[in-house]
């Protein structure tokens, strides 16, 4: 169980990345959803003890993170959005090296590494240099190192970046399995990943928490107000265009309106992406 209260972080260039952020996360898969620049990575780095907040409180399972960051590091698995590797070390050797840094004994780490290489589909390339890996392979290596040491809290910043559809599906299955007994925080701007995997979601925009709840609660305010149509509403109609996509070259719009907005509009089921775009639009107009 993770609780953070009134966290602020302002960088030297004046960027106020986190603004009075307060969240409570139970065990399981937690989604942190927001656009690029929303402050997701800043929050992840803060939770991973890579930077100190300007003020506020952070507590995980009885650990005061600000006072005892090393205690959290002992039970933490972290996959940053971008990470480097030693150029001359193989996948196997680098995992062994990281296991030592995490304080995992050799007998335990040997078993874990074999299992993790299989889980991330890297067994066949275990003795190849990670520096030569493709983007997707390197991302899978990052996932393997994050799971070393059987951590209690796992923080993953854009974990599906660079993965093909098969790899992404495999990762989803792995995350669901491990989140049954651990806290897994998944930070991404891919709404579909969050909606499919997470039982609790926090919406973060411009460094502020807009809302935090289970998916059904988040989308409830828009129920009965989401319409799908092929017709653009009049600019001054007051109708909110949440998203516009194309199928076989034909436009399809999702609109927010309390009444039928266009003659061909069909009332559709609300999803998390609707709430996400609704909040982005509101923020832009404020």
Foldseek 3Di string as FASTA:
>chain_A
DKWKFQFWAADPVGQTLAGGDTDDDDFFEEEEAEDPSLNLLVVLCCVLVVDDTPDIWMDDPHDGCNVCVVVQLLQFFEQHPDDDDDQPAFLQRRLVVLLVVSVHDPVVSVVLLVVLCVLLVNPVRRRPGLNPDAPQSVLSSSVSSSCRNPHQEYEYAPSCPPPDPVSVVSVLVVRNVSRVRHHYYYYDNPQVSCQVGDQKYWYGGSNYTPDIGGFCVLQVVQAQFKKKDQDDADPPPPKAFQDWDDDPRGIITIIGDNDQRDPVIDRDGTGPSSSNSVVVVVVVVD
